N, C-alpha and C. Protein backbone atom coordinates (compact mmCIF):
# COMPACT_ATOMS: atom_id res chain seq x y z
N MET A 1 0.80 -1.08 -0.08
CA MET A 1 -0.11 -0.02 -0.07
C MET A 1 0.88 1.22 -0.02
N LYS A 2 0.46 2.02 -0.87
CA LYS A 2 1.20 3.29 -0.96
C LYS A 2 0.73 4.40 0.15
N GLN A 3 1.43 5.21 0.96
CA GLN A 3 0.94 6.10 1.80
C GLN A 3 0.98 7.53 1.02
N ARG A 4 -0.12 8.03 1.54
CA ARG A 4 -0.51 9.32 0.92
C ARG A 4 0.28 10.30 1.58
N SER A 5 0.64 11.39 1.01
CA SER A 5 1.52 12.31 1.56
C SER A 5 0.79 13.33 2.38
N LEU A 6 1.12 13.68 3.70
CA LEU A 6 0.41 14.62 4.37
C LEU A 6 -0.10 15.91 3.80
N SER A 7 0.70 16.39 2.78
CA SER A 7 0.15 17.80 2.09
C SER A 7 -1.08 17.50 1.35
N LEU A 8 -1.47 16.37 0.94
CA LEU A 8 -2.59 16.27 0.44
C LEU A 8 -4.00 16.36 1.34
N LYS A 9 -3.59 15.96 2.49
CA LYS A 9 -4.70 16.03 3.44
C LYS A 9 -4.94 17.24 4.09
N THR A 10 -4.01 18.23 4.11
CA THR A 10 -4.14 19.52 4.61
C THR A 10 -4.08 20.69 3.42
N LYS A 11 -5.07 21.20 3.53
CA LYS A 11 -5.16 22.39 2.38
C LYS A 11 -4.31 23.40 2.59
N LYS A 12 -3.52 23.96 1.70
CA LYS A 12 -2.66 25.01 1.90
C LYS A 12 -3.61 26.10 1.50
N LYS A 13 -3.50 27.45 2.20
CA LYS A 13 -4.00 28.54 1.98
C LYS A 13 -3.63 29.23 0.69
N THR A 14 -4.48 29.38 -0.28
CA THR A 14 -4.06 29.86 -1.65
C THR A 14 -4.85 30.97 -1.79
N ALA A 15 -4.55 31.72 -2.91
CA ALA A 15 -5.44 33.16 -3.11
C ALA A 15 -7.01 32.82 -3.26
N SER A 16 -7.37 31.68 -3.81
CA SER A 16 -8.73 31.39 -4.00
C SER A 16 -9.22 31.04 -2.68
N THR A 17 -8.62 30.27 -1.64
CA THR A 17 -9.23 30.17 -0.58
C THR A 17 -9.21 31.27 0.49
N LYS A 18 -8.33 32.21 0.36
CA LYS A 18 -8.45 33.53 0.97
C LYS A 18 -9.44 34.38 0.57
N SER A 19 -9.71 34.36 -0.88
CA SER A 19 -10.96 35.18 -1.20
C SER A 19 -12.24 34.65 -0.74
N GLU A 20 -12.25 33.20 -0.85
CA GLU A 20 -13.65 32.62 -0.28
C GLU A 20 -13.84 33.10 1.17
N ALA A 21 -12.73 33.05 1.92
CA ALA A 21 -12.70 33.41 3.35
C ALA A 21 -13.40 34.85 3.70
N LYS A 22 -12.77 35.68 2.64
CA LYS A 22 -13.19 36.99 2.66
C LYS A 22 -14.59 37.25 2.31
N ALA A 23 -15.10 36.53 1.37
CA ALA A 23 -16.50 36.69 0.91
C ALA A 23 -17.52 36.16 1.96
N ALA A 24 -16.99 35.00 2.66
CA ALA A 24 -17.81 34.52 3.79
C ALA A 24 -18.03 35.69 4.99
N LYS A 25 -16.84 36.20 5.11
CA LYS A 25 -16.83 37.33 6.25
C LYS A 25 -17.66 38.46 5.77
N ALA A 26 -17.70 38.66 4.28
CA ALA A 26 -18.26 39.92 3.87
C ALA A 26 -19.97 39.90 3.86
N LYS A 27 -20.26 38.51 3.76
CA LYS A 27 -21.66 38.11 3.54
C LYS A 27 -22.59 38.66 4.69
N PRO A 28 -22.18 38.37 5.92
CA PRO A 28 -22.86 38.76 7.07
C PRO A 28 -23.02 40.24 7.04
N LEU A 29 -22.06 41.03 6.76
CA LEU A 29 -22.00 42.36 6.76
C LEU A 29 -22.89 42.97 5.73
N MET A 30 -22.90 42.28 4.58
CA MET A 30 -24.00 42.84 3.69
C MET A 30 -25.50 42.59 3.97
N LEU A 31 -25.75 41.38 4.87
CA LEU A 31 -27.15 41.29 5.33
C LEU A 31 -27.35 42.47 6.31
N LYS A 32 -26.36 42.71 7.13
CA LYS A 32 -26.44 43.71 8.06
C LYS A 32 -27.14 45.09 7.43
N GLU A 33 -26.03 45.24 6.50
CA GLU A 33 -26.34 46.76 5.72
C GLU A 33 -27.56 46.92 5.18
N VAL A 34 -28.18 45.74 4.47
CA VAL A 34 -29.43 45.59 3.75
C VAL A 34 -30.62 45.74 4.91
N THR A 35 -30.29 45.10 6.11
CA THR A 35 -31.34 45.29 7.37
C THR A 35 -31.39 46.70 7.56
N VAL A 36 -30.35 47.31 7.64
CA VAL A 36 -30.12 48.80 8.06
C VAL A 36 -30.76 49.78 7.14
N ARG A 37 -30.73 49.29 5.98
CA ARG A 37 -31.35 50.05 4.70
C ARG A 37 -32.90 50.06 4.89
N TRP A 38 -33.39 48.62 5.09
CA TRP A 38 -34.76 48.37 5.29
C TRP A 38 -35.37 49.07 6.37
N ASN A 39 -34.54 49.07 7.63
CA ASN A 39 -35.00 49.94 8.53
C ASN A 39 -35.19 51.50 8.35
N GLU A 40 -34.48 52.01 7.65
CA GLU A 40 -34.49 53.40 7.23
C GLU A 40 -35.39 53.59 6.28
N GLU A 41 -35.87 52.71 5.62
CA GLU A 41 -37.11 52.90 4.60
C GLU A 41 -38.23 52.70 5.48
N VAL A 42 -38.35 51.94 6.48
CA VAL A 42 -39.71 51.49 7.37
C VAL A 42 -39.76 53.16 8.16
N ARG A 43 -38.63 53.74 8.57
CA ARG A 43 -38.66 55.00 9.43
C ARG A 43 -39.26 56.23 8.39
N ARG A 44 -38.76 56.00 7.11
CA ARG A 44 -39.08 57.11 6.14
C ARG A 44 -40.47 57.08 5.72
N THR A 45 -41.08 55.80 5.66
CA THR A 45 -42.44 55.90 5.16
C THR A 45 -43.43 55.58 6.07
N LYS A 46 -43.21 55.96 7.27
CA LYS A 46 -44.19 55.87 8.51
C LYS A 46 -45.54 56.65 8.21
N TRP A 47 -46.58 56.04 8.32
CA TRP A 47 -47.82 56.68 8.12
C TRP A 47 -48.27 57.39 9.33
N HIS A 48 -48.80 58.66 9.23
CA HIS A 48 -48.91 59.44 10.49
C HIS A 48 -50.57 59.21 10.63
N TYR A 49 -50.70 58.60 11.79
CA TYR A 49 -52.16 58.31 12.18
C TYR A 49 -53.31 59.33 11.97
N ASP A 50 -54.34 59.02 11.43
CA ASP A 50 -55.46 59.84 11.11
C ASP A 50 -56.73 59.27 11.98
N GLU A 51 -57.13 59.85 12.83
CA GLU A 51 -58.20 59.13 13.82
C GLU A 51 -59.46 59.19 13.02
N TRP A 52 -59.66 59.92 11.96
CA TRP A 52 -61.01 59.85 11.14
C TRP A 52 -60.66 58.99 10.07
N TYR A 53 -59.63 58.29 9.65
CA TYR A 53 -59.50 57.23 8.54
C TYR A 53 -60.39 56.01 8.58
N LYS A 54 -61.03 55.66 7.74
CA LYS A 54 -61.91 54.58 7.72
C LYS A 54 -61.63 53.75 6.46
N HIS A 55 -61.57 52.40 6.50
CA HIS A 55 -61.38 51.48 5.32
C HIS A 55 -62.57 51.64 4.32
N PRO A 56 -62.41 51.73 3.09
CA PRO A 56 -63.69 51.66 2.19
C PRO A 56 -64.58 50.44 2.60
N PRO A 57 -65.87 50.60 2.05
CA PRO A 57 -66.53 49.45 2.29
C PRO A 57 -66.10 48.28 1.43
N GLY A 58 -66.34 47.00 1.78
CA GLY A 58 -65.74 46.01 1.10
C GLY A 58 -64.28 45.51 1.10
N THR A 59 -63.63 46.32 1.97
CA THR A 59 -62.04 45.99 2.33
C THR A 59 -62.10 44.88 3.25
N GLN A 60 -61.32 43.90 3.15
CA GLN A 60 -61.16 42.75 4.03
C GLN A 60 -59.95 43.34 5.09
N THR A 61 -60.25 43.65 6.13
CA THR A 61 -59.43 43.93 7.21
C THR A 61 -59.04 42.87 8.10
N ILE A 62 -57.74 42.98 8.71
CA ILE A 62 -57.24 41.86 9.74
C ILE A 62 -56.61 42.75 10.95
N ALA A 63 -56.88 42.09 12.10
CA ALA A 63 -56.47 42.76 13.25
C ALA A 63 -54.78 42.91 13.21
N ARG A 64 -54.12 43.75 13.82
CA ARG A 64 -52.65 43.93 13.93
C ARG A 64 -51.85 42.37 14.33
N THR A 65 -52.41 41.84 15.42
CA THR A 65 -51.72 40.76 15.99
C THR A 65 -51.80 39.42 14.48
N GLU A 66 -52.81 39.47 13.95
CA GLU A 66 -52.99 38.66 12.96
C GLU A 66 -52.10 39.05 11.75
N ALA A 67 -52.01 40.41 11.42
CA ALA A 67 -51.12 40.74 10.43
C ALA A 67 -49.67 40.65 10.74
N GLU A 68 -49.37 40.67 12.01
CA GLU A 68 -47.96 40.39 12.40
C GLU A 68 -47.42 38.94 11.91
N GLU A 69 -48.65 37.97 12.19
CA GLU A 69 -48.22 36.59 12.08
C GLU A 69 -48.40 36.03 10.71
N LEU A 70 -49.05 36.80 9.88
CA LEU A 70 -49.24 36.60 8.39
C LEU A 70 -48.28 35.77 7.59
N PRO A 71 -46.95 36.58 7.65
CA PRO A 71 -45.87 35.76 6.98
C PRO A 71 -45.42 34.45 7.39
N ARG A 72 -45.69 34.29 8.70
CA ARG A 72 -45.54 32.83 9.33
C ARG A 72 -46.36 31.68 8.63
N ARG A 73 -47.66 32.33 8.78
CA ARG A 73 -48.59 31.40 8.35
C ARG A 73 -48.60 31.14 6.82
N LEU A 74 -48.23 31.93 5.97
CA LEU A 74 -47.97 31.73 4.61
C LEU A 74 -46.54 31.10 4.31
N GLU A 75 -45.97 30.92 5.40
CA GLU A 75 -44.32 30.40 5.30
C GLU A 75 -43.63 30.99 4.38
N VAL A 76 -43.47 32.59 4.40
CA VAL A 76 -42.67 33.36 3.66
C VAL A 76 -41.67 34.08 4.45
N GLY A 77 -41.59 34.08 5.54
CA GLY A 77 -40.75 34.69 6.32
C GLY A 77 -41.08 34.97 7.84
N THR A 78 -40.25 35.79 8.39
CA THR A 78 -40.45 36.12 9.91
C THR A 78 -41.57 37.11 10.00
N LYS A 79 -42.25 36.94 11.14
CA LYS A 79 -43.25 37.86 11.55
C LYS A 79 -43.06 39.32 11.28
N LEU A 80 -44.08 40.10 10.87
CA LEU A 80 -43.79 41.69 10.89
C LEU A 80 -43.57 42.42 12.16
N LYS A 81 -42.95 43.39 11.93
CA LYS A 81 -42.78 44.03 13.33
C LYS A 81 -43.64 45.22 13.29
N LYS A 82 -44.01 45.67 14.57
CA LYS A 82 -45.03 46.81 14.56
C LYS A 82 -44.50 48.08 13.80
N ASP A 83 -43.39 48.43 13.76
CA ASP A 83 -42.90 49.50 13.06
C ASP A 83 -43.24 49.39 11.37
N GLU A 84 -42.90 47.94 11.09
CA GLU A 84 -43.35 47.76 9.65
C GLU A 84 -44.79 48.02 9.39
N LEU A 85 -45.56 47.55 10.12
CA LEU A 85 -47.13 47.68 9.98
C LEU A 85 -47.36 49.25 10.31
N ASP A 86 -46.81 50.01 10.92
CA ASP A 86 -47.01 51.39 10.99
C ASP A 86 -46.78 52.18 9.78
N THR A 87 -46.21 51.52 8.74
CA THR A 87 -46.14 52.13 7.39
C THR A 87 -47.38 52.14 6.70
N LEU A 88 -48.42 51.26 7.09
CA LEU A 88 -49.63 51.07 6.54
C LEU A 88 -50.56 51.94 7.11
N ARG A 89 -51.69 52.29 6.40
CA ARG A 89 -52.88 52.90 7.04
C ARG A 89 -53.64 51.90 7.94
N TYR A 90 -54.23 52.27 9.03
CA TYR A 90 -55.00 51.45 9.70
C TYR A 90 -56.17 52.17 10.34
N GLU A 91 -57.45 51.67 10.72
CA GLU A 91 -58.18 52.04 11.39
C GLU A 91 -58.50 51.48 12.72
N GLU A 92 -58.88 52.26 13.66
CA GLU A 92 -59.09 51.70 15.08
C GLU A 92 -60.40 51.69 15.34
N ARG A 93 -60.91 50.71 15.87
CA ARG A 93 -62.03 50.25 16.32
C ARG A 93 -62.09 49.77 17.74
N PHE A 94 -63.22 49.81 18.45
CA PHE A 94 -63.23 49.02 19.76
C PHE A 94 -63.63 47.72 19.45
N ALA A 95 -62.99 46.78 20.15
CA ALA A 95 -63.36 45.28 20.02
C ALA A 95 -64.45 44.94 20.82
N ASN A 96 -64.99 43.95 20.96
CA ASN A 96 -66.14 43.37 21.79
C ASN A 96 -65.93 43.35 23.23
N ASN A 97 -64.53 43.25 23.52
CA ASN A 97 -63.98 43.22 24.94
C ASN A 97 -63.74 44.67 25.56
N GLY A 98 -63.88 45.61 24.60
CA GLY A 98 -63.85 47.00 24.99
C GLY A 98 -62.27 47.62 24.70
N GLY A 99 -61.49 46.75 24.19
CA GLY A 99 -60.23 47.07 23.93
C GLY A 99 -60.18 47.82 22.71
N LEU A 100 -59.05 48.65 22.22
CA LEU A 100 -58.77 49.40 21.08
C LEU A 100 -58.20 48.41 20.20
N MET A 101 -58.67 48.03 18.92
CA MET A 101 -57.87 47.29 17.93
C MET A 101 -57.70 48.09 16.81
N LYS A 102 -56.34 47.70 16.04
CA LYS A 102 -55.97 48.44 14.87
C LYS A 102 -56.16 47.33 13.64
N LEU A 103 -56.96 47.81 12.56
CA LEU A 103 -57.32 47.03 11.78
C LEU A 103 -56.43 47.49 10.36
N HIS A 104 -55.82 46.69 9.56
CA HIS A 104 -55.03 46.89 8.55
C HIS A 104 -56.02 46.04 7.35
N ASP A 105 -55.70 46.79 6.13
CA ASP A 105 -56.06 46.07 4.99
C ASP A 105 -55.38 44.97 4.67
N ARG A 106 -55.76 43.77 4.42
CA ARG A 106 -55.23 42.40 4.14
C ARG A 106 -54.32 42.62 2.87
N VAL A 107 -54.95 43.16 1.97
CA VAL A 107 -54.09 43.15 0.66
C VAL A 107 -52.85 44.23 0.79
N GLU A 108 -52.95 45.04 1.29
CA GLU A 108 -51.88 45.86 1.67
C GLU A 108 -50.82 45.27 2.44
N VAL A 109 -51.13 44.56 3.67
CA VAL A 109 -50.35 43.80 4.32
C VAL A 109 -49.44 42.71 3.61
N LEU A 110 -50.30 42.09 2.56
CA LEU A 110 -49.49 41.13 1.80
C LEU A 110 -48.53 41.97 0.83
N LYS A 111 -48.81 43.03 0.37
CA LYS A 111 -47.93 43.89 -0.59
C LYS A 111 -46.72 44.14 0.39
N LEU A 112 -46.84 44.46 1.60
CA LEU A 112 -45.84 45.10 2.48
C LEU A 112 -44.92 43.68 2.88
N ILE A 113 -45.43 42.46 2.84
CA ILE A 113 -44.64 41.26 2.93
C ILE A 113 -43.73 41.08 1.66
N ARG A 114 -44.41 41.45 0.63
CA ARG A 114 -43.64 41.08 -0.50
C ARG A 114 -42.51 42.32 -0.92
N LYS A 115 -42.89 43.50 -0.62
CA LYS A 115 -41.88 44.46 -0.50
C LYS A 115 -40.65 44.21 0.37
N ARG A 116 -40.84 43.88 1.85
CA ARG A 116 -39.96 43.43 2.66
C ARG A 116 -38.92 42.17 2.16
N ARG A 117 -39.63 41.42 1.61
CA ARG A 117 -38.87 40.39 1.12
C ARG A 117 -37.85 40.63 -0.16
N LEU A 118 -38.49 41.68 -0.93
CA LEU A 118 -37.52 42.33 -2.12
C LEU A 118 -36.31 42.90 -1.55
N TRP A 119 -36.81 43.75 -0.43
CA TRP A 119 -35.61 44.52 0.09
C TRP A 119 -34.60 43.71 0.80
N LEU A 120 -34.88 42.59 1.39
CA LEU A 120 -33.90 41.95 2.34
C LEU A 120 -33.37 40.82 1.34
N ASP A 121 -34.01 40.42 0.34
CA ASP A 121 -33.32 39.41 -0.59
C ASP A 121 -32.47 40.08 -1.55
N ARG A 122 -32.61 41.52 -1.69
CA ARG A 122 -31.62 42.12 -2.62
C ARG A 122 -31.65 41.61 -4.00
N LYS A 123 -32.86 41.33 -4.64
CA LYS A 123 -32.89 40.87 -6.10
C LYS A 123 -33.40 42.31 -6.85
N VAL A 124 -33.76 43.30 -6.23
CA VAL A 124 -34.06 44.57 -7.00
C VAL A 124 -32.99 45.60 -6.27
N SER A 125 -32.64 46.66 -7.21
CA SER A 125 -31.75 47.52 -6.59
C SER A 125 -32.60 48.53 -5.77
N THR A 126 -31.70 49.11 -4.84
CA THR A 126 -32.37 50.01 -3.80
C THR A 126 -33.02 51.17 -4.45
N SER A 127 -32.33 51.87 -5.46
CA SER A 127 -32.98 53.10 -6.19
C SER A 127 -34.40 52.64 -6.88
N HIS A 128 -34.35 51.56 -7.30
CA HIS A 128 -35.78 51.02 -7.85
C HIS A 128 -36.81 51.01 -6.86
N LEU A 129 -36.25 50.58 -5.80
CA LEU A 129 -37.42 50.20 -4.79
C LEU A 129 -37.60 51.74 -4.07
N HIS A 130 -36.82 52.75 -4.15
CA HIS A 130 -37.11 53.87 -3.59
C HIS A 130 -38.27 54.46 -4.55
N SER A 131 -38.03 54.39 -5.82
CA SER A 131 -38.92 55.01 -6.74
C SER A 131 -40.20 54.41 -6.60
N GLU A 132 -40.49 53.43 -6.37
CA GLU A 132 -41.85 52.76 -6.06
C GLU A 132 -42.58 53.09 -4.88
N SER A 133 -42.03 53.49 -3.89
CA SER A 133 -42.58 54.01 -2.72
C SER A 133 -42.16 55.37 -2.40
N SER A 134 -43.10 56.09 -1.84
CA SER A 134 -42.83 57.64 -1.33
C SER A 134 -43.40 57.71 0.09
N ALA A 135 -42.82 58.52 0.68
CA ALA A 135 -43.17 58.90 1.95
C ALA A 135 -44.57 59.31 1.92
N GLN A 136 -45.62 58.81 2.97
CA GLN A 136 -46.72 59.22 2.97
C GLN A 136 -47.81 58.94 1.91
N ALA A 137 -47.21 58.17 0.87
CA ALA A 137 -48.21 57.83 -0.09
C ALA A 137 -49.27 56.98 0.29
N GLY A 138 -48.96 56.09 1.15
CA GLY A 138 -50.05 55.11 1.54
C GLY A 138 -50.57 54.32 0.64
N PRO A 139 -51.25 53.15 0.98
CA PRO A 139 -51.74 52.13 0.08
C PRO A 139 -52.96 52.58 -0.45
N SER A 140 -53.25 52.07 -1.80
CA SER A 140 -54.43 52.40 -2.65
C SER A 140 -55.55 51.69 -1.92
N SER A 141 -56.82 52.25 -2.04
CA SER A 141 -58.12 51.46 -1.47
C SER A 141 -58.38 50.27 -2.18
N SER A 142 -58.81 49.26 -1.71
CA SER A 142 -59.39 48.09 -2.37
C SER A 142 -60.71 47.74 -2.00
N THR A 143 -61.62 47.82 -3.13
CA THR A 143 -62.81 47.34 -2.90
C THR A 143 -63.20 46.05 -3.61
N GLN A 144 -62.08 45.31 -3.94
CA GLN A 144 -62.27 44.10 -4.53
C GLN A 144 -62.52 42.98 -3.72
N PRO A 145 -62.88 41.81 -4.05
CA PRO A 145 -63.11 40.73 -2.90
C PRO A 145 -61.71 40.34 -2.60
N ALA A 146 -61.61 39.63 -1.46
CA ALA A 146 -60.37 39.33 -0.76
C ALA A 146 -59.74 38.37 -1.37
N PRO A 147 -58.44 38.35 -1.60
CA PRO A 147 -57.57 37.22 -2.35
C PRO A 147 -57.48 35.94 -1.35
N PRO A 148 -56.99 35.01 -2.13
CA PRO A 148 -56.81 33.78 -1.29
C PRO A 148 -55.48 33.87 -0.47
N ASP A 149 -55.46 33.24 0.45
CA ASP A 149 -54.24 32.98 1.50
C ASP A 149 -52.98 32.96 0.75
N SER A 150 -52.47 33.72 -0.19
CA SER A 150 -51.30 33.64 -0.95
C SER A 150 -50.78 35.03 -1.23
N LEU A 151 -49.57 35.27 -1.45
CA LEU A 151 -48.91 36.47 -1.79
C LEU A 151 -49.24 36.87 -3.22
N PRO A 152 -49.55 38.36 -3.50
CA PRO A 152 -49.72 38.65 -4.77
C PRO A 152 -48.57 38.20 -5.75
N PRO A 153 -48.96 37.90 -7.03
CA PRO A 153 -47.87 37.50 -7.95
C PRO A 153 -46.80 38.34 -8.10
N GLU A 154 -45.63 38.05 -8.44
CA GLU A 154 -44.66 38.89 -8.55
C GLU A 154 -44.21 39.48 -9.89
């Protein structure tokens, strides 16, 4: 039997392995940078509460806690944060138990989930994403029937 040399078992650091190591270290930084940009976009597009705002008739609304959990139910990501939901218009009503509930348009919540996924996956350039959304633009009203439990088509 031939004995293999020890040099075959240990991998020497070459230029290619060094660049792979640098890329691996750079990847988490890129994710952190993308997350910071998303958080800035959320702060920039926050909707200022209007106590007289009411959803149009026929709009399917969901409570804030259900809206937070919707991405998990659809298996498309982590739950939405309250700051992210504050970018959408909402209506406040009293619940049967006397508590105040915030109602969001379900279609707009699905659009927000899709927008967040695009921002965090980095499939679209940031400049393109900024042109789609403007501060205080708010969602369009929906009077169409409610969509099925899935995301809008991309």
